[in-house]
């Protein structure tokens, strides 16, 4: 009786080895995907939802798209009591 021959040939062992490597690769890729998704959601959560009118106006003034008079006039429209 040959106890080391349990019916599995070399081809079966190669397939089992490749299946194990593929399994662990999928587990690792899944974990990486979860970590990346979590970081992406944190970044979206921390960023402002949208620019307010004041921020847009300040950015346009800083880029030189509008001059001082137009900037002040638009600020007065946005904040009439000031």
Protein backbone atom coordinates (compact mmCIF):
# COMPACT_ATOMS: atom_id res chain seq x y z
CA UNK A 1 0.00 0.00 0.00
CA UNK A 2 1.37 3.41 -0.95
CA UNK A 3 0.02 5.94 1.52
CA UNK A 4 1.49 8.96 -0.28
CA UNK A 5 -0.59 8.37 -3.39
CA UNK A 6 -4.08 9.57 -2.42
CA UNK A 7 -5.45 9.81 -5.95
CA UNK A 8 -4.35 13.36 -6.67
CA UNK A 9 -1.97 13.84 -9.53
CA UNK A 10 0.34 16.74 -10.21
CA UNK A 11 -2.32 18.52 -12.25
CA UNK A 12 -4.71 18.57 -9.31
CA UNK A 13 -2.09 20.04 -7.00
CA UNK A 14 -1.25 22.74 -9.54
CA UNK A 15 -4.92 23.66 -9.91
CA UNK A 16 -5.37 23.75 -6.12
CA UNK A 17 -2.30 25.97 -5.75
CA UNK A 18 -3.51 28.37 -8.43
CA UNK A 19 -6.97 28.45 -6.86
CA UNK A 20 -5.47 29.31 -3.47
CA UNK A 21 -3.36 32.11 -4.99
CA UNK A 22 -6.42 33.45 -6.82
CA UNK A 23 -8.49 33.31 -3.63
CA UNK A 24 -5.97 35.31 -1.61
CA UNK A 25 -5.50 37.77 -4.47
CA UNK A 26 -9.26 38.41 -4.48
CA UNK A 27 -9.28 38.87 -0.71
CA UNK A 28 -6.42 41.38 -0.86
CA UNK A 29 -7.94 43.25 -3.82
CA UNK A 30 -11.25 43.43 -1.98
CA UNK A 31 -9.59 44.93 1.09
CA UNK A 32 -7.72 47.47 -1.03
CA UNK A 33 -10.97 48.45 -2.75
CA UNK A 34 -12.70 48.92 0.60
CA UNK A 35 -9.88 51.08 1.93
CA UNK A 36 -9.80 53.24 -1.21
CA UNK A 37 -13.57 53.66 -1.15
CA UNK A 38 -13.46 54.69 2.50
CA UNK A 39 -10.79 57.29 1.83
CA UNK A 40 -12.73 58.61 -1.17
CA UNK A 41 -15.89 58.97 0.91
CA UNK A 42 -13.96 60.76 3.67
CA UNK A 43 -12.54 63.21 1.13
CA UNK A 44 -15.98 63.90 -0.32
CA UNK A 45 -17.45 64.29 3.15
CA UNK A 46 -14.78 66.82 4.16
CA UNK A 47 -15.02 68.93 1.02
CA UNK A 48 -17.66 71.63 0.92
CA UNK A 49 -20.88 70.69 -0.85
CA UNK A 50 -20.74 73.68 -3.12
CA UNK A 51 -19.16 77.08 -3.27
CA UNK A 52 -21.18 79.80 -1.67
CA UNK A 53 -21.87 82.99 -3.56
CA UNK A 54 -19.32 84.84 -1.43
CA UNK A 55 -16.62 82.29 -2.22
CA UNK A 56 -17.34 82.46 -5.94
CA UNK A 57 -17.32 86.24 -5.89
CA UNK A 58 -14.04 86.32 -3.96
CA UNK A 59 -12.46 83.84 -6.40
CA UNK A 60 -13.57 85.86 -9.42
CA UNK A 61 -12.16 89.03 -7.87
CA UNK A 62 -8.89 87.27 -7.04
CA UNK A 63 -8.56 86.00 -10.63
CA UNK A 64 -9.15 89.52 -11.94
CA UNK A 65 -12.38 88.69 -13.73
CA UNK A 66 -14.19 91.59 -12.04
CA UNK A 67 -12.95 94.95 -10.83
CA UNK A 68 -13.34 96.57 -7.41
CA UNK A 69 -16.55 98.45 -8.24
CA UNK A 70 -18.30 95.37 -9.57
CA UNK A 71 -17.03 93.34 -6.60
CA UNK A 72 -18.43 95.85 -4.09
CA UNK A 73 -21.71 96.15 -5.99
CA UNK A 74 -22.25 92.41 -6.01
CA UNK A 75 -21.27 92.13 -2.34
CA UNK A 76 -23.87 94.81 -1.56
CA UNK A 77 -26.50 92.77 -3.39
CA UNK A 78 -25.54 89.64 -1.47
CA UNK A 79 -25.46 91.41 1.91
CA UNK A 80 -27.80 94.43 1.73
CA UNK A 81 -27.51 95.38 5.42
CA UNK A 82 -23.74 95.84 5.47
